[in-house]
Amino acid sequence: MLERPDAVLTLIPLLAVSGLAVRTLLAVPGIGSGLFTAPLAVVGYFAALAVVLLELLAWPATERIGGS
C-alpha cells in the first residue's frame, strides 16, 4: 500500500526533473526557443523545494491533529 511518505519521496525527484524535461521538449524544435525556455529548468527545482518545505512544516501538524 502506498502511504503519504512514499508518495512525497516519489514526487520530489519527479518535480525536480520536470522542469528540465519540459524545457527540453520545447527547445528541441528550434534553437532560438532555448533562450525562451531557460527559466523552465529552475521551476522544477523550486517546485521540489516547495514540496519539501511544505512537508517539513505541515507533516508534524497533521500528525498532531490527526492523531495517527
C-alpha atoms as a PDB file:
ATOM      1  CA  MET A   1       0.000   0.000   0.000  1.00  0.00           C
ATOM      2  CA  LEU A   2       1.300   3.423  -0.959  1.00  0.00           C
ATOM      3  CA  GLU A   3       1.450   5.765   2.010  1.00  0.00           C
ATOM      4  CA  ARG A   4       1.955   9.515   2.164  1.00  0.00           C
ATOM      5  CA  PRO A   5       5.732   9.488   2.883  1.00  0.00           C
ATOM      6  CA  ASP A   6       6.304   7.168  -0.069  1.00  0.00           C
ATOM      7  CA  ALA A   7       4.267   9.398  -2.363  1.00  0.00           C
ATOM      8  CA  VAL A   8       6.131  12.522  -1.238  1.00  0.00           C
ATOM      9  CA  LEU A   9       9.514  10.878  -1.724  1.00  0.00           C
ATOM     10  CA  THR A  10       8.465   9.883  -5.230  1.00  0.00           C
ATOM     11  CA  LEU A  11       7.101  13.333  -6.036  1.00  0.00           C
ATOM     12  CA  ILE A  12      10.265  15.272  -5.145  1.00  0.00           C
ATOM     13  CA  PRO A  13      12.587  13.912  -7.874  1.00  0.00           C
ATOM     14  CA  LEU A  14       9.757  13.912 -10.429  1.00  0.00           C
ATOM     15  CA  LEU A  15       9.182  17.612  -9.843  1.00  0.00           C
ATOM     16  CA  ALA A  16      12.894  18.365  -9.955  1.00  0.00           C
ATOM     17  CA  VAL A  17      13.266  16.688 -13.358  1.00  0.00           C
ATOM     18  CA  SER A  18      10.003  18.011 -14.791  1.00  0.00           C
ATOM     19  CA  GLY A  19      11.376  21.494 -15.436  1.00  0.00           C
ATOM     20  CA  LEU A  20      14.283  20.101 -17.416  1.00  0.00           C
ATOM     21  CA  ALA A  21      12.014  17.730 -19.329  1.00  0.00           C
ATOM     22  CA  VAL A  22       9.583  20.477 -20.336  1.00  0.00           C
ATOM     23  CA  ARG A  23      12.466  22.753 -21.330  1.00  0.00           C
ATOM     24  CA  THR A  24      13.965  20.015 -23.479  1.00  0.00           C
ATOM     25  CA  LEU A  25      10.657  19.246 -25.199  1.00  0.00           C
ATOM     26  CA  LEU A  26      10.062  22.898 -26.014  1.00  0.00           C
ATOM     27  CA  ALA A  27      13.622  23.638 -27.111  1.00  0.00           C
ATOM     28  CA  VAL A  28      14.008  20.681 -29.497  1.00  0.00           C
ATOM     29  CA  PRO A  29      12.141  22.216 -32.475  1.00  0.00           C
ATOM     30  CA  GLY A  30      14.187  25.416 -32.596  1.00  0.00           C
ATOM     31  CA  ILE A  31      17.466  26.811 -31.359  1.00  0.00           C
ATOM     32  CA  GLY A  32      16.107  30.291 -30.577  1.00  0.00           C
ATOM     33  CA  SER A  33      13.391  28.942 -28.311  1.00  0.00           C
ATOM     34  CA  GLY A  34      16.077  27.570 -25.998  1.00  0.00           C
ATOM     35  CA  LEU A  35      16.615  31.043 -24.592  1.00  0.00           C
ATOM     36  CA  PHE A  36      12.877  31.458 -24.146  1.00  0.00           C
ATOM     37  CA  THR A  37      12.590  28.210 -22.161  1.00  0.00           C
ATOM     38  CA  ALA A  38      15.706  28.680 -19.993  1.00  0.00           C
ATOM     39  CA  PRO A  39      13.757  29.686 -16.843  1.00  0.00           C
ATOM     40  CA  LEU A  40      11.736  26.456 -17.008  1.00  0.00           C
ATOM     41  CA  ALA A  41      14.716  24.422 -15.812  1.00  0.00           C
ATOM     42  CA  VAL A  42      14.658  26.191 -12.464  1.00  0.00           C
ATOM     43  CA  VAL A  43      10.893  25.907 -11.987  1.00  0.00           C
ATOM     44  CA  GLY A  44      11.075  22.171 -11.306  1.00  0.00           C
ATOM     45  CA  TYR A  45      13.721  22.640  -8.631  1.00  0.00           C
ATOM     46  CA  PHE A  46      11.681  25.335  -6.919  1.00  0.00           C
ATOM     47  CA  ALA A  47       8.577  23.134  -7.025  1.00  0.00           C
ATOM     48  CA  ALA A  48      10.511  20.267  -5.417  1.00  0.00           C
ATOM     49  CA  LEU A  49      11.872  22.617  -2.764  1.00  0.00           C
ATOM     50  CA  ALA A  50       8.351  23.889  -2.082  1.00  0.00           C
ATOM     51  CA  VAL A  51       7.113  20.318  -1.547  1.00  0.00           C
ATOM     52  CA  VAL A  52       9.987  19.610   0.850  1.00  0.00           C
ATOM     53  CA  LEU A  53       9.348  22.773   2.856  1.00  0.00           C
ATOM     54  CA  LEU A  54       5.604  22.177   2.884  1.00  0.00           C
ATOM     55  CA  GLU A  55       6.070  18.659   4.189  1.00  0.00           C
ATOM     56  CA  LEU A  56       8.540  19.814   6.829  1.00  0.00           C
ATOM     57  CA  LEU A  57       6.077  22.404   8.077  1.00  0.00           C
ATOM     58  CA  ALA A  58       2.779  20.585   7.532  1.00  0.00           C
ATOM     59  CA  TRP A  59       3.630  16.981   8.387  1.00  0.00           C
ATOM     60  CA  PRO A  60       4.044  17.472  12.169  1.00  0.00           C
ATOM     61  CA  ALA A  61       0.795  19.449  12.308  1.00  0.00           C
ATOM     62  CA  THR A  62      -1.141  16.734  10.512  1.00  0.00           C
ATOM     63  CA  GLU A  63       0.294  14.133  12.874  1.00  0.00           C
ATOM     64  CA  ARG A  64      -0.797  16.132  15.928  1.00  0.00           C
ATOM     65  CA  ILE A  65      -4.254  16.933  14.575  1.00  0.00           C
ATOM     66  CA  GLY A  66      -4.974  13.568  13.002  1.00  0.00           C
ATOM     67  CA  GLY A  67      -3.586  11.564  15.878  1.00  0.00           C
ATOM     68  CA  SER A  68      -2.451   8.748  13.615  1.00  0.00           C
END
